[in-house]
Amino acid sequence: MGYGQKLNEHIENTPGMSVNKLSKITGISSSTLYSIIKRDSAVRYDYAVRIANVLGIEVSDICKENPYSDSTEVLPGYPTIFPNALASS
């Protein structure tokens, strides 16, 4: 079972919730939510955070916990001069 089906289960198991109501609360279009469910596809991390907050579930139930865990991309860090700049002000 993929993330889309898990999302559908959570919607169905939340009293008074529907895809359209979730759409209105989260600001995510209902067509996007229906597409995620129908295709059983992954949920964008920023959408998953909004959905999880509304449904009272863990983000990891409907999305990879850390979307960068498989990435080989080096994430930006603080410039090395930054801490020194704060100390001298």
N, C-alpha and C. Protein backbone atom coordinates (compact mmCIF):
# COMPACT_ATOMS: atom_id res chain seq x y z
N MET A 1 0.85 -1.18 0.00
CA MET A 1 0.00 0.00 0.00
C MET A 1 0.89 1.23 0.00
N GLY A 2 0.60 2.12 -0.94
CA GLY A 2 1.39 3.33 -1.06
C GLY A 2 0.84 4.48 -0.22
N TYR A 3 1.50 5.61 -0.33
CA TYR A 3 1.13 6.77 0.47
C TYR A 3 -0.26 7.30 0.12
N GLY A 4 -0.65 7.24 -1.13
CA GLY A 4 -1.96 7.72 -1.54
C GLY A 4 -3.08 6.93 -0.88
N GLN A 5 -2.93 5.61 -0.84
CA GLN A 5 -3.94 4.76 -0.21
C GLN A 5 -3.97 4.98 1.30
N LYS A 6 -2.79 5.19 1.89
CA LYS A 6 -2.74 5.47 3.32
C LYS A 6 -3.45 6.79 3.62
N LEU A 7 -3.24 7.78 2.77
CA LEU A 7 -3.92 9.06 2.93
C LEU A 7 -5.43 8.86 2.86
N ASN A 8 -5.89 8.10 1.89
CA ASN A 8 -7.31 7.83 1.74
C ASN A 8 -7.88 7.17 2.99
N GLU A 9 -7.17 6.20 3.54
CA GLU A 9 -7.62 5.53 4.77
C GLU A 9 -7.75 6.52 5.92
N HIS A 10 -6.76 7.41 6.06
CA HIS A 10 -6.82 8.39 7.15
C HIS A 10 -8.01 9.34 6.97
N ILE A 11 -8.27 9.73 5.74
CA ILE A 11 -9.41 10.61 5.47
C ILE A 11 -10.71 9.88 5.84
N GLU A 12 -10.83 8.63 5.40
CA GLU A 12 -12.04 7.85 5.68
C GLU A 12 -12.22 7.58 7.17
N ASN A 13 -11.12 7.46 7.91
CA ASN A 13 -11.18 7.14 9.34
C ASN A 13 -11.29 8.38 10.23
N THR A 14 -11.28 9.55 9.63
CA THR A 14 -11.42 10.78 10.40
C THR A 14 -12.88 11.23 10.30
N PRO A 15 -13.59 11.21 11.43
CA PRO A 15 -15.02 11.58 11.41
C PRO A 15 -15.25 12.96 10.80
N GLY A 16 -16.21 13.01 9.88
CA GLY A 16 -16.58 14.28 9.26
C GLY A 16 -15.62 14.80 8.21
N MET A 17 -14.60 14.01 7.87
CA MET A 17 -13.60 14.47 6.91
C MET A 17 -13.89 13.89 5.53
N SER A 18 -13.61 14.68 4.53
CA SER A 18 -13.71 14.26 3.14
C SER A 18 -12.55 14.90 2.40
N VAL A 19 -12.33 14.47 1.18
CA VAL A 19 -11.26 15.06 0.38
C VAL A 19 -11.54 16.55 0.17
N ASN A 20 -12.78 16.88 -0.12
CA ASN A 20 -13.12 18.29 -0.35
C ASN A 20 -12.92 19.14 0.91
N LYS A 21 -13.29 18.61 2.05
CA LYS A 21 -13.11 19.36 3.30
C LYS A 21 -11.61 19.52 3.61
N LEU A 22 -10.84 18.44 3.41
CA LEU A 22 -9.39 18.51 3.63
C LEU A 22 -8.77 19.54 2.70
N SER A 23 -9.26 19.59 1.48
CA SER A 23 -8.78 20.56 0.51
C SER A 23 -9.00 21.99 1.00
N LYS A 24 -10.19 22.26 1.49
CA LYS A 24 -10.50 23.61 1.97
C LYS A 24 -9.66 24.01 3.17
N ILE A 25 -9.44 23.07 4.07
CA ILE A 25 -8.68 23.37 5.29
C ILE A 25 -7.20 23.57 5.00
N THR A 26 -6.64 22.72 4.13
CA THR A 26 -5.19 22.75 3.88
C THR A 26 -4.78 23.71 2.77
N GLY A 27 -5.74 24.07 1.90
CA GLY A 27 -5.39 24.90 0.76
C GLY A 27 -4.79 24.11 -0.39
N ILE A 28 -4.85 22.79 -0.32
CA ILE A 28 -4.37 21.92 -1.38
C ILE A 28 -5.58 21.59 -2.25
N SER A 29 -5.46 21.77 -3.56
CA SER A 29 -6.62 21.56 -4.42
C SER A 29 -7.15 20.13 -4.29
N SER A 30 -8.46 20.00 -4.39
CA SER A 30 -9.06 18.67 -4.30
C SER A 30 -8.61 17.79 -5.46
N SER A 31 -8.36 18.38 -6.62
CA SER A 31 -7.89 17.57 -7.75
C SER A 31 -6.51 16.99 -7.46
N THR A 32 -5.67 17.74 -6.76
CA THR A 32 -4.35 17.23 -6.37
C THR A 32 -4.51 16.08 -5.38
N LEU A 33 -5.38 16.25 -4.39
CA LEU A 33 -5.58 15.19 -3.40
C LEU A 33 -6.16 13.94 -4.05
N TYR A 34 -7.16 14.10 -4.93
CA TYR A 34 -7.73 12.95 -5.63
C TYR A 34 -6.67 12.26 -6.49
N SER A 35 -5.80 13.03 -7.12
CA SER A 35 -4.75 12.47 -7.95
C SER A 35 -3.77 11.64 -7.11
N ILE A 36 -3.40 12.15 -5.96
CA ILE A 36 -2.49 11.42 -5.06
C ILE A 36 -3.12 10.08 -4.68
N ILE A 37 -4.42 10.12 -4.33
CA ILE A 37 -5.11 8.90 -3.90
C ILE A 37 -5.26 7.93 -5.07
N LYS A 38 -5.72 8.41 -6.21
CA LYS A 38 -5.96 7.53 -7.36
C LYS A 38 -4.67 6.89 -7.87
N ARG A 39 -3.63 7.69 -7.95
CA ARG A 39 -2.34 7.17 -8.46
C ARG A 39 -1.54 6.45 -7.37
N ASP A 40 -2.00 6.55 -6.11
CA ASP A 40 -1.29 5.97 -4.97
C ASP A 40 0.15 6.47 -4.93
N SER A 41 0.29 7.77 -5.16
CA SER A 41 1.62 8.36 -5.29
C SER A 41 2.06 9.04 -3.99
N ALA A 42 3.29 9.44 -4.00
CA ALA A 42 3.86 10.13 -2.85
C ALA A 42 3.23 11.51 -2.68
N VAL A 43 3.24 11.97 -1.47
CA VAL A 43 2.71 13.29 -1.13
C VAL A 43 3.89 14.23 -0.95
N ARG A 44 3.83 15.39 -1.58
CA ARG A 44 4.89 16.39 -1.38
C ARG A 44 5.03 16.65 0.11
N TYR A 45 6.26 16.83 0.55
CA TYR A 45 6.52 16.98 1.98
C TYR A 45 5.76 18.17 2.58
N ASP A 46 5.74 19.31 1.90
CA ASP A 46 5.05 20.46 2.45
C ASP A 46 3.54 20.21 2.54
N TYR A 47 2.99 19.48 1.59
CA TYR A 47 1.58 19.10 1.66
C TYR A 47 1.35 18.12 2.80
N ALA A 48 2.25 17.17 2.94
CA ALA A 48 2.11 16.15 3.99
C ALA A 48 2.09 16.78 5.37
N VAL A 49 2.88 17.81 5.58
CA VAL A 49 2.90 18.49 6.88
C VAL A 49 1.53 19.11 7.16
N ARG A 50 0.97 19.79 6.16
CA ARG A 50 -0.35 20.41 6.32
C ARG A 50 -1.42 19.35 6.59
N ILE A 51 -1.40 18.29 5.81
CA ILE A 51 -2.39 17.22 5.95
C ILE A 51 -2.27 16.56 7.31
N ALA A 52 -1.05 16.24 7.72
CA ALA A 52 -0.83 15.57 9.00
C ALA A 52 -1.34 16.42 10.16
N ASN A 53 -1.13 17.72 10.09
CA ASN A 53 -1.62 18.60 11.15
C ASN A 53 -3.14 18.57 11.24
N VAL A 54 -3.81 18.56 10.10
CA VAL A 54 -5.27 18.55 10.09
C VAL A 54 -5.83 17.20 10.55
N LEU A 55 -5.25 16.12 10.07
CA LEU A 55 -5.76 14.79 10.39
C LEU A 55 -5.24 14.25 11.73
N GLY A 56 -4.26 14.91 12.31
CA GLY A 56 -3.71 14.46 13.59
C GLY A 56 -2.92 13.17 13.46
N ILE A 57 -2.15 13.07 12.38
CA ILE A 57 -1.34 11.87 12.13
C ILE A 57 0.12 12.27 11.99
N GLU A 58 0.98 11.27 11.92
CA GLU A 58 2.39 11.51 11.71
C GLU A 58 2.65 11.76 10.22
N VAL A 59 3.56 12.65 9.92
CA VAL A 59 3.92 12.92 8.53
C VAL A 59 4.40 11.64 7.85
N SER A 60 5.11 10.81 8.58
CA SER A 60 5.66 9.58 8.00
C SER A 60 4.58 8.59 7.58
N ASP A 61 3.34 8.79 8.01
CA ASP A 61 2.24 7.92 7.57
C ASP A 61 1.91 8.14 6.09
N ILE A 62 2.17 9.35 5.59
CA ILE A 62 1.77 9.67 4.21
C ILE A 62 2.91 10.21 3.36
N CYS A 63 4.11 10.27 3.91
CA CYS A 63 5.25 10.84 3.18
C CYS A 63 6.54 10.35 3.81
N LYS A 64 7.60 10.36 3.01
CA LYS A 64 8.92 10.08 3.59
C LYS A 64 9.20 11.10 4.67
N GLU A 65 9.68 10.66 5.78
CA GLU A 65 9.95 11.55 6.92
C GLU A 65 10.91 12.66 6.55
N ASN A 66 11.98 12.30 5.85
CA ASN A 66 12.98 13.28 5.44
C ASN A 66 13.14 13.21 3.93
N PRO A 67 12.59 14.18 3.23
CA PRO A 67 12.66 14.10 1.77
C PRO A 67 14.07 14.18 1.20
N TYR A 68 15.03 14.52 2.01
CA TYR A 68 16.41 14.66 1.54
C TYR A 68 17.27 13.45 1.88
N SER A 69 16.71 12.44 2.51
CA SER A 69 17.53 11.32 2.98
C SER A 69 18.19 10.52 1.85
N ASP A 70 17.55 10.44 0.68
CA ASP A 70 18.14 9.71 -0.44
C ASP A 70 18.91 10.61 -1.39
N SER A 71 18.94 11.86 -1.08
CA SER A 71 19.55 12.83 -1.98
C SER A 71 21.06 12.85 -1.82
N THR A 72 21.74 12.97 -2.92
CA THR A 72 23.19 13.14 -2.87
C THR A 72 23.54 14.61 -2.87
N GLU A 73 22.50 15.44 -2.98
CA GLU A 73 22.70 16.88 -2.99
C GLU A 73 23.24 17.34 -1.64
N VAL A 74 24.21 18.20 -1.68
CA VAL A 74 24.75 18.76 -0.45
C VAL A 74 23.88 19.96 -0.08
N LEU A 75 23.31 19.89 1.11
CA LEU A 75 22.45 20.97 1.55
C LEU A 75 23.28 22.15 2.03
N PRO A 76 22.78 23.35 1.84
CA PRO A 76 23.55 24.52 2.26
C PRO A 76 23.71 24.58 3.77
N GLY A 77 24.81 25.13 4.19
CA GLY A 77 25.08 25.33 5.61
C GLY A 77 25.36 26.79 5.86
N TYR A 78 25.67 27.12 7.09
CA TYR A 78 26.02 28.50 7.42
C TYR A 78 27.41 28.81 6.89
N PRO A 79 27.60 30.00 6.39
CA PRO A 79 28.95 30.38 6.00
C PRO A 79 29.86 30.34 7.22
N THR A 80 31.10 30.00 7.03
CA THR A 80 32.01 29.88 8.17
C THR A 80 32.24 31.23 8.86
N ILE A 81 32.02 32.31 8.15
CA ILE A 81 32.23 33.64 8.74
C ILE A 81 31.04 34.05 9.62
N PHE A 82 29.89 33.41 9.46
CA PHE A 82 28.68 33.83 10.16
C PHE A 82 28.84 33.86 11.69
N PRO A 83 29.32 32.82 12.36
CA PRO A 83 29.44 32.89 13.82
C PRO A 83 30.39 34.00 14.28
N ASN A 84 31.46 34.22 13.52
CA ASN A 84 32.41 35.28 13.88
C ASN A 84 31.79 36.66 13.72
N ALA A 85 30.95 36.82 12.75
CA ALA A 85 30.29 38.10 12.52
C ALA A 85 29.38 38.44 13.69
N LEU A 86 28.73 37.45 14.27
CA LEU A 86 27.86 37.70 15.41
C LEU A 86 28.67 38.04 16.67
N ALA A 87 29.78 37.37 16.83
CA ALA A 87 30.60 37.57 18.01
C ALA A 87 31.23 38.98 18.03
N SER A 88 31.51 39.55 16.87
CA SER A 88 32.17 40.83 16.82
C SER A 88 31.21 42.03 16.88
N SER A 89 29.91 41.77 16.83
CA SER A 89 28.99 42.92 16.83
C SER A 89 28.53 43.32 18.19
